[in-house]
PDB file of N, CA and C in Angstrom:
ATOM      1  N   UNK A   1     106.640  53.126-155.280  1.00  0.00           N
ATOM      2  CA  UNK A   1     105.719  52.316-156.058  1.00  0.00           C
ATOM      3  C   UNK A   1     106.348  52.067-157.425  1.00  0.00           C
ATOM      4  N   UNK A   2     106.205  50.842-157.905  1.00  0.00           N
ATOM      5  CA  UNK A   2     106.731  50.485-159.219  1.00  0.00           C
ATOM      6  C   UNK A   2     105.743  50.862-160.310  1.00  0.00           C
ATOM      7  N   UNK A   3     106.250  50.958-161.511  1.00  0.00           N
ATOM      8  CA  UNK A   3     105.419  51.262-162.671  1.00  0.00           C
ATOM      9  C   UNK A   3     105.358  50.040-163.568  1.00  0.00           C
ATOM     10  N   UNK A   4     104.160  49.768-164.110  1.00  0.00           N
ATOM     11  CA  UNK A   4     103.962  48.647-165.014  1.00  0.00           C
ATOM     12  C   UNK A   4     103.227  49.154-166.246  1.00  0.00           C
ATOM     13  N   UNK A   5     103.613  48.667-167.390  1.00  0.00           N
ATOM     14  CA  UNK A   5     102.941  49.029-168.631  1.00  0.00           C
ATOM     15  C   UNK A   5     102.175  47.816-169.127  1.00  0.00           C
ATOM     16  N   UNK A   6     100.910  48.016-169.508  1.00  0.00           N
ATOM     17  CA  UNK A   6     100.056  46.938-170.000  1.00  0.00           C
ATOM     18  C   UNK A   6      99.674  47.187-171.446  1.00  0.00           C
ATOM     19  N   UNK A   7      99.520  46.112-172.173  1.00  0.00           N
ATOM     20  CA  UNK A   7      98.998  46.198-173.531  1.00  0.00           C
ATOM     21  C   UNK A   7      97.557  45.697-173.516  1.00  0.00           C
ATOM     22  N   UNK A   8      96.669  46.441-174.138  1.00  0.00           N
ATOM     23  CA  UNK A   8      95.274  46.020-174.273  1.00  0.00           C
ATOM     24  C   UNK A   8      94.895  46.127-175.745  1.00  0.00           C
ATOM     25  N   UNK A   9      93.908  45.363-176.134  1.00  0.00           N
ATOM     26  CA  UNK A   9      93.429  45.400-177.513  1.00  0.00           C
ATOM     27  C   UNK A   9      92.899  46.800-177.835  1.00  0.00           C
ATOM     28  N   UNK A  10      93.040  47.197-179.081  1.00  0.00           N
ATOM     29  CA  UNK A  10      92.578  48.522-179.512  1.00  0.00           C
ATOM     30  C   UNK A  10      91.106  48.736-179.185  1.00  0.00           C
ATOM     31  N   UNK A  11      90.284  47.711-179.411  1.00  0.00           N
ATOM     32  CA  UNK A  11      88.851  47.831-179.138  1.00  0.00           C
ATOM     33  C   UNK A  11      88.600  48.088-177.645  1.00  0.00           C
ATOM     34  N   UNK A  12      89.346  47.396-176.792  1.00  0.00           N
ATOM     35  CA  UNK A  12      89.190  47.621-175.358  1.00  0.00           C
ATOM     36  C   UNK A  12      89.601  49.036-174.989  1.00  0.00           C
ATOM     37  N   UNK A  13      90.691  49.508-175.539  1.00  0.00           N
ATOM     38  CA  UNK A  13      91.165  50.869-175.259  1.00  0.00           C
ATOM     39  C   UNK A  13      90.121  51.900-175.677  1.00  0.00           C
ATOM     40  N   UNK A  14      89.496  51.703-176.836  1.00  0.00           N
ATOM     41  CA  UNK A  14      88.453  52.626-177.288  1.00  0.00           C
ATOM     42  C   UNK A  14      87.291  52.650-176.300  1.00  0.00           C
ATOM     43  N   UNK A  15      86.895  51.479-175.818  1.00  0.00           N
ATOM     44  CA  UNK A  15      85.803  51.415-174.853  1.00  0.00           C
ATOM     45  C   UNK A  15      86.208  52.091-173.545  1.00  0.00           C
ATOM     46  N   UNK A  16      87.442  51.868-173.120  1.00  0.00           N
ATOM     47  CA  UNK A  16      87.931  52.502-171.893  1.00  0.00           C
ATOM     48  C   UNK A  16      87.938  54.019-172.039  1.00  0.00           C
ATOM     49  N   UNK A  17      88.311  54.490-173.206  1.00  0.00           N
ATOM     50  CA  UNK A  17      88.344  55.938-173.456  1.00  0.00           C
ATOM     51  C   UNK A  17      86.963  56.575-173.369  1.00  0.00           C
ATOM     52  N   UNK A  18      85.916  55.768-173.528  1.00  0.00           N
ATOM     53  CA  UNK A  18      84.560  56.321-173.451  1.00  0.00           C
ATOM     54  C   UNK A  18      84.137  56.571-171.999  1.00  0.00           C
ATOM     55  N   UNK A  19      84.988  56.193-171.043  1.00  0.00           N
ATOM     56  CA  UNK A  19      84.741  56.436-169.627  1.00  0.00           C
ATOM     57  C   UNK A  19      85.946  57.163-169.027  1.00  0.00           C
ATOM     58  N   UNK A  20      86.142  58.424-169.413  1.00  0.00           N
ATOM     59  CA  UNK A  20      87.335  59.148-168.955  1.00  0.00           C
ATOM     60  C   UNK A  20      87.364  59.415-167.449  1.00  0.00           C
ATOM     61  N   UNK A  21      86.214  59.300-166.808  1.00  0.00           N
ATOM     62  CA  UNK A  21      86.168  59.547-165.367  1.00  0.00           C
ATOM     63  C   UNK A  21      86.759  58.389-164.556  1.00  0.00           C
ATOM     64  N   UNK A  22      86.959  57.263-165.213  1.00  0.00           N
ATOM     65  CA  UNK A  22      87.499  56.084-164.526  1.00  0.00           C
ATOM     66  C   UNK A  22      89.012  56.186-164.380  1.00  0.00           C
ATOM     67  N   UNK A  23      89.492  55.780-163.216  1.00  0.00           N
ATOM     68  CA  UNK A  23      90.924  55.685-162.981  1.00  0.00           C
ATOM     69  C   UNK A  23      91.316  54.239-163.293  1.00  0.00           C
ATOM     70  N   UNK A  24      91.696  53.994-164.544  1.00  0.00           N
ATOM     71  CA  UNK A  24      91.958  52.640-164.996  1.00  0.00           C
ATOM     72  C   UNK A  24      93.159  52.019-164.295  1.00  0.00           C
ATOM     73  N   UNK A  25      94.098  52.840-163.854  1.00  0.00           N
ATOM     74  CA  UNK A  25      95.230  52.309-163.096  1.00  0.00           C
ATOM     75  C   UNK A  25      94.745  51.716-161.775  1.00  0.00           C
ATOM     76  N   UNK A  26      93.799  52.387-161.136  1.00  0.00           N
ATOM     77  CA  UNK A  26      93.251  51.875-159.879  1.00  0.00           C
ATOM     78  C   UNK A  26      92.439  50.610-160.118  1.00  0.00           C
ATOM     79  N   UNK A  27      91.685  50.572-161.199  1.00  0.00           N
ATOM     80  CA  UNK A  27      90.928  49.369-161.546  1.00  0.00           C
ATOM     81  C   UNK A  27      91.889  48.195-161.715  1.00  0.00           C
ATOM     82  N   UNK A  28      92.996  48.420-162.417  1.00  0.00           N
ATOM     83  CA  UNK A  28      93.988  47.365-162.623  1.00  0.00           C
ATOM     84  C   UNK A  28      94.621  46.943-161.296  1.00  0.00           C
ATOM     85  N   UNK A  29      94.964  47.913-160.447  1.00  0.00           N
ATOM     86  CA  UNK A  29      95.547  47.590-159.135  1.00  0.00           C
ATOM     87  C   UNK A  29      94.601  46.714-158.321  1.00  0.00           C
ATOM     88  N   UNK A  30      93.318  47.059-158.317  1.00  0.00           N
ATOM     89  CA  UNK A  30      92.345  46.280-157.563  1.00  0.00           C
ATOM     90  C   UNK A  30      92.201  44.871-158.134  1.00  0.00           C
ATOM     91  N   UNK A  31      92.202  44.768-159.456  1.00  0.00           N
ATOM     92  CA  UNK A  31      92.100  43.451-160.090  1.00  0.00           C
ATOM     93  C   UNK A  31      93.325  42.597-159.766  1.00  0.00           C
ATOM     94  N   UNK A  32      94.514  43.199-159.817  1.00  0.00           N
ATOM     95  CA  UNK A  32      95.729  42.464-159.468  1.00  0.00           C
ATOM     96  C   UNK A  32      95.683  42.018-158.016  1.00  0.00           C
ATOM     97  N   UNK A  33      95.256  42.909-157.148  1.00  0.00           N
ATOM     98  CA  UNK A  33      95.188  42.594-155.723  1.00  0.00           C
ATOM     99  C   UNK A  33      94.227  41.442-155.465  1.00  0.00           C
ATOM    100  N   UNK A  34      93.055  41.477-156.089  1.00  0.00           N
ATOM    101  CA  UNK A  34      92.065  40.417-155.909  1.00  0.00           C
ATOM    102  C   UNK A  34      92.599  39.088-156.433  1.00  0.00           C
ATOM    103  N   UNK A  35      93.240  39.117-157.584  1.00  0.00           N
ATOM    104  CA  UNK A  35      93.782  37.888-158.168  1.00  0.00           C
ATOM    105  C   UNK A  35      94.864  37.307-157.265  1.00  0.00           C
ATOM    106  N   UNK A  36      95.721  38.158-156.709  1.00  0.00           N
ATOM    107  CA  UNK A  36      96.752  37.681-155.787  1.00  0.00           C
ATOM    108  C   UNK A  36      96.146  37.054-154.544  1.00  0.00           C
ATOM    109  N   UNK A  37      95.104  37.676-153.991  1.00  0.00           N
ATOM    110  CA  UNK A  37      94.418  37.105-152.836  1.00  0.00           C
ATOM    111  C   UNK A  37      93.855  35.728-153.176  1.00  0.00           C
ATOM    112  N   UNK A  38      93.234  35.608-154.343  1.00  0.00           N
ATOM    113  CA  UNK A  38      92.667  34.328-154.774  1.00  0.00           C
ATOM    114  C   UNK A  38      93.758  33.265-154.900  1.00  0.00           C
ATOM    115  N   UNK A  39      94.866  33.631-155.534  1.00  0.00           N
ATOM    116  CA  UNK A  39      95.957  32.682-155.737  1.00  0.00           C
ATOM    117  C   UNK A  39      96.599  32.267-154.410  1.00  0.00           C
ATOM    118  N   UNK A  40      96.761  33.219-153.500  1.00  0.00           N
ATOM    119  CA  UNK A  40      97.331  32.896-152.190  1.00  0.00           C
ATOM    120  C   UNK A  40      96.405  31.965-151.408  1.00  0.00           C
ATOM    121  N   UNK A  41      95.101  32.210-151.491  1.00  0.00           N
ATOM    122  CA  UNK A  41      94.141  31.325-150.837  1.00  0.00           C
ATOM    123  C   UNK A  41      94.245  29.920-151.410  1.00  0.00           C
ATOM    124  N   UNK A  42      94.268  29.816-152.739  1.00  0.00           N
ATOM    125  CA  UNK A  42      94.360  28.499-153.374  1.00  0.00           C
ATOM    126  C   UNK A  42      95.662  27.799-153.011  1.00  0.00           C
ATOM    127  N   UNK A  43      96.728  28.561-152.934  1.00  0.00           N
ATOM    128  CA  UNK A  43      98.018  27.992-152.570  1.00  0.00           C
ATOM    129  C   UNK A  43      97.974  27.409-151.152  1.00  0.00           C
ATOM    130  N   UNK A  44      97.406  28.160-150.212  1.00  0.00           N
ATOM    131  CA  UNK A  44      97.288  27.668-148.833  1.00  0.00           C
ATOM    132  C   UNK A  44      96.366  26.454-148.763  1.00  0.00           C
ATOM    133  N   UNK A  45      95.275  26.513-149.509  1.00  0.00           N
ATOM    134  CA  UNK A  45      94.334  25.396-149.541  1.00  0.00           C
ATOM    135  C   UNK A  45      95.025  24.149-150.079  1.00  0.00           C
ATOM    136  N   UNK A  46      95.781  24.323-151.141  1.00  0.00           N
ATOM    137  CA  UNK A  46      96.477  23.200-151.770  1.00  0.00           C
ATOM    138  C   UNK A  46      97.496  22.578-150.817  1.00  0.00           C
ATOM    139  N   UNK A  47      98.188  23.410-150.060  1.00  0.00           N
ATOM    140  CA  UNK A  47      99.190  22.907-149.121  1.00  0.00           C
ATOM    141  C   UNK A  47      98.565  22.027-148.044  1.00  0.00           C
ATOM    142  N   UNK A  48      97.342  22.354-147.642  1.00  0.00           N
ATOM    143  CA  UNK A  48      96.665  21.615-146.576  1.00  0.00           C
ATOM    144  C   UNK A  48      95.850  20.439-147.107  1.00  0.00           C
ATOM    145  N   UNK A  49      95.650  20.388-148.407  1.00  0.00           N
ATOM    146  CA  UNK A  49      94.779  19.384-149.006  1.00  0.00           C
ATOM    147  C   UNK A  49      95.456  18.020-149.074  1.00  0.00           C
ATOM    148  N   UNK A  50      94.657  16.989-148.881  1.00  0.00           N
ATOM    149  CA  UNK A  50      95.137  15.621-149.014  1.00  0.00           C
ATOM    150  C   UNK A  50      94.691  15.004-150.332  1.00  0.00           C
ATOM    151  N   UNK A  51      93.995  15.802-151.150  1.00  0.00           N
ATOM    152  CA  UNK A  51      93.559  15.311-152.455  1.00  0.00           C
ATOM    153  C   UNK A  51      94.758  15.156-153.383  1.00  0.00           C
ATOM    154  N   UNK A  52      94.709  14.120-154.171  1.00  0.00           N
ATOM    155  CA  UNK A  52      95.730  13.971-155.201  1.00  0.00           C
ATOM    156  C   UNK A  52      95.303  14.784-156.413  1.00  0.00           C
ATOM    157  N   UNK A  53      96.213  14.964-157.340  1.00  0.00           N
ATOM    158  CA  UNK A  53      95.862  15.679-158.570  1.00  0.00           C
ATOM    159  C   UNK A  53      94.765  14.922-159.314  1.00  0.00           C
ATOM    160  N   UNK A  54      94.831  13.604-159.312  1.00  0.00           N
ATOM    161  CA  UNK A  54      93.803  12.800-159.982  1.00  0.00           C
ATOM    162  C   UNK A  54      92.440  13.016-159.328  1.00  0.00           C
ATOM    163  N   UNK A  55      92.413  13.075-157.974  1.00  0.00           N
ATOM    164  CA  UNK A  55      91.158  13.351-157.265  1.00  0.00           C
ATOM    165  C   UNK A  55      90.590  14.702-157.678  1.00  0.00           C
ATOM    166  N   UNK A  56      91.457  15.702-157.731  1.00  0.00           N
ATOM    167  CA  UNK A  56      91.026  17.053-158.096  1.00  0.00           C
ATOM    168  C   UNK A  56      90.480  17.090-159.520  1.00  0.00           C
ATOM    169  N   UNK A  57      91.135  16.394-160.427  1.00  0.00           N
ATOM    170  CA  UNK A  57      90.661  16.361-161.823  1.00  0.00           C
ATOM    171  C   UNK A  57      89.301  15.667-161.907  1.00  0.00           C
ATOM    172  N   UNK A  58      89.129  14.572-161.165  1.00  0.00           N
ATOM    173  CA  UNK A  58      87.858  13.849-161.171  1.00  0.00           C
ATOM    174  C   UNK A  58      86.739  14.728-160.608  1.00  0.00           C
ATOM    175  N   UNK A  59      87.007  15.392-159.489  1.00  0.00           N
ATOM    176  CA  UNK A  59      86.002  16.277-158.896  1.00  0.00           C
ATOM    177  C   UNK A  59      85.679  17.444-159.816  1.00  0.00           C
ATOM    178  N   UNK A  60      86.701  18.005-160.450  1.00  0.00           N
ATOM    179  CA  UNK A  60      86.487  19.100-161.387  1.00  0.00           C
ATOM    180  C   UNK A  60      85.603  18.678-162.549  1.00  0.00           C
ATOM    181  N   UNK A  61      85.824  17.482-163.062  1.00  0.00           N
ATOM    182  CA  UNK A  61      85.008  16.972-164.161  1.00  0.00           C
ATOM    183  C   UNK A  61      83.564  16.781-163.716  1.00  0.00           C
ATOM    184  N   UNK A  62      83.378  16.273-162.501  1.00  0.00           N
ATOM    185  CA  UNK A  62      82.014  16.087-161.983  1.00  0.00           C
ATOM    186  C   UNK A  62      81.299  17.421-161.821  1.00  0.00           C
ATOM    187  N   UNK A  63      81.991  18.412-161.311  1.00  0.00           N
ATOM    188  CA  UNK A  63      81.398  19.741-161.139  1.00  0.00           C
ATOM    189  C   UNK A  63      81.050  20.333-162.502  1.00  0.00           C
ATOM    190  N   UNK A  64      81.968  20.224-163.452  1.00  0.00           N
ATOM    191  CA  UNK A  64      81.719  20.757-164.800  1.00  0.00           C
ATOM    192  C   UNK A  64      80.497  20.102-165.424  1.00  0.00           C
ATOM    193  N   UNK A  65      80.383  18.804-165.258  1.00  0.00           N
ATOM    194  CA  UNK A  65      79.238  18.082-165.814  1.00  0.00           C
ATOM    195  C   UNK A  65      77.941  18.559-165.172  1.00  0.00           C
ATOM    196  N   UNK A  66      77.960  18.710-163.846  1.00  0.00           N
ATOM    197  CA  UNK A  66      76.756  19.151-163.133  1.00  0.00           C
ATOM    198  C   UNK A  66      76.354  20.570-163.547  1.00  0.00           C
ATOM    199  N   UNK A  67      77.325  21.455-163.675  1.00  0.00           N
ATOM    200  CA  UNK A  67      77.039  22.838-164.086  1.00  0.00           C
ATOM    201  C   UNK A  67      76.492  22.845-165.510  1.00  0.00           C
ATOM    202  N   UNK A  68      77.083  22.057-166.378  1.00  0.00           N
ATOM    203  CA  UNK A  68      76.629  21.978-167.766  1.00  0.00           C
ATOM    204  C   UNK A  68      75.184  21.502-167.843  1.00  0.00           C
ATOM    205  N   UNK A  69      74.855  20.467-167.082  1.00  0.00           N
ATOM    206  CA  UNK A  69      73.480  19.959-167.063  1.00  0.00           C
ATOM    207  C   UNK A  69      72.505  21.009-166.544  1.00  0.00           C
ATOM    208  N   UNK A  70      72.912  21.719-165.512  1.00  0.00           N
ATOM    209  CA  UNK A  70      72.046  22.761-164.943  1.00  0.00           C
ATOM    210  C   UNK A  70      71.788  23.876-165.953  1.00  0.00           C
ATOM    211  N   UNK A  71      72.830  24.292-166.657  1.00  0.00           N
ATOM    212  CA  UNK A  71      72.671  25.355-167.655  1.00  0.00           C
ATOM    213  C   UNK A  71      71.822  24.898-168.834  1.00  0.00           C
ATOM    214  N   UNK A  72      71.965  23.644-169.214  1.00  0.00           N
ATOM    215  CA  UNK A  72      71.138  23.113-170.320  1.00  0.00           C
ATOM    216  C   UNK A  72      69.674  23.116-169.941  1.00  0.00           C
ATOM    217  N   UNK A  73      69.373  22.765-168.678  1.00  0.00           N
ATOM    218  CA  UNK A  73      67.979  22.760-168.211  1.00  0.00           C
ATOM    219  C   UNK A  73      67.402  24.170-168.230  1.00  0.00           C
ATOM    220  N   UNK A  74      68.210  25.157-167.829  1.00  0.00           N
ATOM    221  CA  UNK A  74      67.745  26.545-167.817  1.00  0.00           C
ATOM    222  C   UNK A  74      67.502  27.059-169.230  1.00  0.00           C
ATOM    223  N   UNK A  75      68.293  26.576-170.188  1.00  0.00           N
ATOM    224  CA  UNK A  75      68.199  27.061-171.571  1.00  0.00           C
ATOM    225  C   UNK A  75      66.939  26.541-172.275  1.00  0.00           C
ATOM    226  N   UNK A  76      66.347  25.484-171.752  1.00  0.00           N
ATOM    227  CA  UNK A  76      65.156  24.892-172.405  1.00  0.00           C
ATOM    228  C   UNK A  76      63.920  25.678-172.153  1.00  0.00           C
TER     229      UNK A  76
END
């Protein structure tokens, strides 16, 4: 197994220290693993997709607008 060193903000480290029972290395391993799974899924999806980058940007903007409107309604 390889070793990796991470830098975290001092405030985050202080908060982490308040939970000494946590295995922070395992938490990081799980987060890395999940992120890799997500990226691999997106990569496979992208390879099979017929959408152009412009299509993806347009759809992303539409989704963002819809989510924004929904959140504004909830905030009222």
